[in-house]
């Protein structure tokens, strides 16, 4: 009996699904776009898919990271920019059914959900950069995303384990308490200062200047 349905195809176990996806991860598919509904649906389960896609219609290709011989799936945005997406992280997000759940396992998972909720604000800034090349959207210090999130939790008398969410799509979540959700969105809109920067500048701010 099938336990998982992905891209319209049924699988009995995660191992079976993983084996199916891995058929593409070899040099025979290097550089090729994969138009398999199973792979396209699976990639959307990656916890960082919303940030990778930038709310755009993306394609999936197979390639190897620089200086590595292994292959992985890549989310390719319309402008050609791409990010690698690990298969194991996709499978970890897979559920047998869309149920309400409590975000209480890892702060990273909670941050991803809360970042997803303010993605429209980030997209609005990104659209203003159109025609100037690839960009990332950064929070201007000291109002970083983390500091804003922790301030909101503190003023709301909450911590990450208190916030119940529901899955509303393959890789999309919303807060069960819509009033709380609106509170976070409005708090971020009021206090965040966002700016579009080049990918190189964003990497410099994140990882520091190369030595």
Protein backbone atom coordinates (compact mmCIF):
# COMPACT_ATOMS: atom_id res chain seq x y z
CA UNK A 1 0.00 0.00 0.00
CA UNK A 2 1.38 3.43 -0.98
CA UNK A 3 2.38 5.68 1.90
CA UNK A 4 3.55 8.75 -0.05
CA UNK A 5 2.15 10.44 -3.14
CA UNK A 6 4.55 12.87 -4.84
CA UNK A 7 3.95 14.44 -8.23
CA UNK A 8 1.02 12.12 -8.83
CA UNK A 9 3.14 8.99 -8.32
CA UNK A 10 2.81 6.67 -5.33
CA UNK A 11 5.69 5.30 -3.25
CA UNK A 12 5.63 2.81 -0.40
CA UNK A 13 8.66 4.19 1.46
CA UNK A 14 10.98 7.19 1.51
CA UNK A 15 13.77 4.86 0.42
CA UNK A 16 11.80 3.97 -2.70
CA UNK A 17 11.20 7.65 -3.46
CA UNK A 18 14.87 8.46 -2.86
CA UNK A 19 15.96 5.73 -5.24
CA UNK A 20 13.57 7.07 -7.86
CA UNK A 21 14.98 10.61 -7.56
CA UNK A 22 18.59 9.42 -7.52
CA UNK A 23 18.24 7.96 -11.01
CA UNK A 24 18.79 11.51 -12.29
CA UNK A 25 21.83 12.29 -10.15
CA UNK A 26 24.56 11.11 -12.47
CA UNK A 27 26.75 12.50 -15.23
CA UNK A 28 24.27 11.37 -17.88
CA UNK A 29 21.91 14.15 -16.74
CA UNK A 30 24.60 16.75 -15.92
CA UNK A 31 23.40 20.21 -16.98
CA UNK A 32 19.98 18.91 -18.06
CA UNK A 33 16.65 20.26 -16.89
CA UNK A 34 14.43 17.60 -15.28
CA UNK A 35 10.78 17.82 -16.27
CA UNK A 36 9.57 14.98 -14.08
CA UNK A 37 6.53 15.96 -11.92
CA UNK A 38 7.91 13.83 -9.07
CA UNK A 39 11.22 15.71 -8.97
CA UNK A 40 9.53 19.10 -9.43
CA UNK A 41 7.20 18.39 -6.49
CA UNK A 42 10.00 16.94 -4.38
CA UNK A 43 12.23 19.98 -4.78
CA UNK A 44 9.42 22.20 -3.47
CA UNK A 45 9.60 20.29 -0.19
CA UNK A 46 13.09 21.67 0.50
CA UNK A 47 12.87 23.89 3.62
CA UNK A 48 14.60 26.76 1.80
CA UNK A 49 12.61 26.50 -1.43
CA UNK A 50 10.71 29.77 -0.89
CA UNK A 51 13.98 31.68 -0.57
CA UNK A 52 15.56 29.80 -3.48
CA UNK A 53 12.67 30.42 -5.85
CA UNK A 54 12.03 34.04 -4.89
CA UNK A 55 8.32 33.34 -5.52
CA UNK A 56 9.06 32.80 -9.21
CA UNK A 57 8.36 29.86 -11.51
CA UNK A 58 11.57 27.85 -11.44
CA UNK A 59 13.01 24.86 -13.24
CA UNK A 60 15.08 21.99 -11.85
CA UNK A 61 18.38 20.82 -13.28
CA UNK A 62 21.11 18.37 -12.34
CA UNK A 63 24.67 19.55 -11.84
CA UNK A 64 27.66 19.22 -9.53
CA UNK A 65 28.88 21.97 -7.16
CA UNK A 66 32.23 23.59 -8.02
CA UNK A 67 35.20 21.39 -7.08
CA UNK A 68 32.92 18.40 -6.35
CA UNK A 69 32.20 15.32 -8.43
CA UNK A 70 28.87 14.46 -6.82
CA UNK A 71 25.57 15.56 -8.37
CA UNK A 72 22.52 17.26 -6.89
CA UNK A 73 19.37 19.06 -7.96
CA UNK A 74 19.48 22.82 -8.55
CA UNK A 75 16.60 25.30 -8.41
CA UNK A 76 17.01 27.59 -11.42
CA UNK A 77 15.24 30.96 -11.42
CA UNK A 78 14.08 32.63 -14.69
CA UNK A 79 17.16 34.86 -14.78
CA UNK A 80 19.48 31.85 -14.69
CA UNK A 81 20.60 32.18 -11.06
CA UNK A 82 20.45 28.88 -9.19
CA UNK A 83 20.85 27.24 -5.79
CA UNK A 84 21.60 23.63 -4.92
CA UNK A 85 18.89 21.65 -3.14
CA UNK A 86 19.85 18.59 -1.11
CA UNK A 87 17.73 15.49 -1.64
CA UNK A 88 17.91 14.39 2.01
CA UNK A 89 16.46 17.73 3.20
CA UNK A 90 13.56 17.32 0.79
CA UNK A 91 12.81 13.83 2.07
CA UNK A 92 13.05 15.02 5.67
CA UNK A 93 10.21 17.48 5.00
CA UNK A 94 7.99 14.82 3.44
CA UNK A 95 4.82 13.98 5.34
CA UNK A 96 2.26 11.24 4.74
CA UNK A 97 -0.56 13.76 5.04
CA UNK A 98 -1.02 17.55 5.41
CA UNK A 99 -1.69 17.95 9.12
CA UNK A 100 -1.39 20.75 11.63
CA UNK A 101 1.94 20.58 13.40
CA UNK A 102 3.88 22.28 16.13
CA UNK A 103 7.18 23.92 15.28
CA UNK A 104 9.16 22.76 18.27
CA UNK A 105 12.08 20.77 16.86
CA UNK A 106 14.67 23.20 15.57
CA UNK A 107 14.97 26.97 15.60
CA UNK A 108 16.10 26.81 11.98
CA UNK A 109 12.76 25.29 10.95
CA UNK A 110 10.86 27.96 12.87
CA UNK A 111 12.93 30.73 11.30
CA UNK A 112 12.20 29.35 7.83
CA UNK A 113 8.45 29.47 8.47
CA UNK A 114 8.59 33.03 9.80
CA UNK A 115 10.81 34.15 6.93
CA UNK A 116 8.34 32.65 4.48
CA UNK A 117 5.58 34.82 5.93
CA UNK A 118 7.45 38.05 5.16
CA UNK A 119 8.62 36.88 1.72
CA UNK A 120 6.19 39.28 -0.08
CA UNK A 121 7.97 42.22 1.57
CA UNK A 122 11.31 40.89 0.34
CA UNK A 123 9.90 40.32 -3.16
CA UNK A 124 8.68 43.90 -3.29
CA UNK A 125 12.23 45.17 -2.73
CA UNK A 126 13.65 42.67 -5.23
CA UNK A 127 11.24 43.84 -7.94
CA UNK A 128 12.64 47.35 -7.58
CA UNK A 129 16.06 45.98 -8.54
CA UNK A 130 14.89 44.51 -11.87
CA UNK A 131 17.21 45.26 -14.78
CA UNK A 132 20.27 45.71 -12.57
CA UNK A 133 21.37 42.08 -12.48
CA UNK A 134 21.08 39.36 -9.85
CA UNK A 135 20.51 40.53 -6.31
CA UNK A 136 19.79 39.44 -2.76
CA UNK A 137 17.66 41.34 -0.25
CA UNK A 138 19.32 42.07 3.06
CA UNK A 139 18.12 43.36 6.42
CA UNK A 140 20.07 46.48 7.35
CA UNK A 141 21.82 46.12 10.71
CA UNK A 142 21.14 46.36 13.56
CA UNK A 143 17.59 45.33 12.60
CA UNK A 144 18.60 41.92 11.28
CA UNK A 145 16.00 39.24 10.65
CA UNK A 146 17.07 37.34 13.77
CA UNK A 147 16.95 40.39 16.03
CA UNK A 148 13.51 41.36 14.73
CA UNK A 149 12.17 37.85 15.20
CA UNK A 150 13.43 37.57 18.77
CA UNK A 151 12.09 41.05 19.60
CA UNK A 152 8.67 40.08 18.28
CA UNK A 153 8.69 36.84 20.25
CA UNK A 154 9.69 38.72 23.40
CA UNK A 155 7.01 41.40 23.04
CA UNK A 156 4.43 38.69 22.29
CA UNK A 157 5.46 36.59 25.29
CA UNK A 158 6.28 33.61 23.08
CA UNK A 159 9.11 31.34 22.08
CA UNK A 160 9.46 29.22 18.95
CA UNK A 161 7.88 26.16 20.56
CA UNK A 162 4.67 28.09 21.32
CA UNK A 163 3.80 28.83 17.70
CA UNK A 164 1.53 26.28 15.99
CA UNK A 165 1.53 26.23 12.19
CA UNK A 166 -0.27 24.35 9.43
CA UNK A 167 0.98 23.09 6.10
CA UNK A 168 -1.00 24.74 3.28
CA UNK A 169 1.15 23.55 0.38
CA UNK A 170 4.02 21.15 -0.42
CA UNK A 171 6.51 23.53 1.20
CA UNK A 172 4.29 26.36 2.42
CA UNK A 173 3.18 27.01 6.00
CA UNK A 174 0.98 29.52 7.80
CA UNK A 175 0.40 30.17 11.49
CA UNK A 176 -2.73 28.54 12.84
CA UNK A 177 -3.44 31.74 14.75
CA UNK A 178 -4.00 34.20 11.89
CA UNK A 179 -4.04 37.14 14.31
CA UNK A 180 -0.58 36.18 15.49
CA UNK A 181 0.54 35.78 11.89
CA UNK A 182 -0.68 39.26 11.01
CA UNK A 183 1.05 40.62 14.11
CA UNK A 184 4.42 39.27 12.93
CA UNK A 185 3.94 40.52 9.35
CA UNK A 186 3.02 44.00 10.53
CA UNK A 187 5.85 44.08 13.09
CA UNK A 188 8.37 43.20 10.40
CA UNK A 189 6.92 45.75 7.97
CA UNK A 190 7.11 48.47 10.62
CA UNK A 191 10.63 47.79 11.91
CA UNK A 192 12.62 46.12 9.13
CA UNK A 193 14.84 48.13 6.81
CA UNK A 194 15.40 46.14 3.63
CA UNK A 195 17.75 46.87 0.77
CA UNK A 196 18.66 45.13 -2.48
CA UNK A 197 22.35 44.38 -2.78
CA UNK A 198 24.47 42.42 -5.20
CA UNK A 199 25.02 38.76 -4.41
CA UNK A 200 28.71 39.49 -3.86
CA UNK A 201 27.94 42.21 -1.33
CA UNK A 202 25.46 40.00 0.47
CA UNK A 203 28.05 37.23 0.71
CA UNK A 204 30.60 39.72 2.05
CA UNK A 205 28.20 40.89 4.76
CA UNK A 206 27.29 37.33 5.67
CA UNK A 207 30.69 35.66 5.59
CA UNK A 208 33.09 38.59 5.81
CA UNK A 209 35.66 39.85 3.34
CA UNK A 210 37.93 37.18 1.86
CA UNK A 211 41.34 37.07 3.42
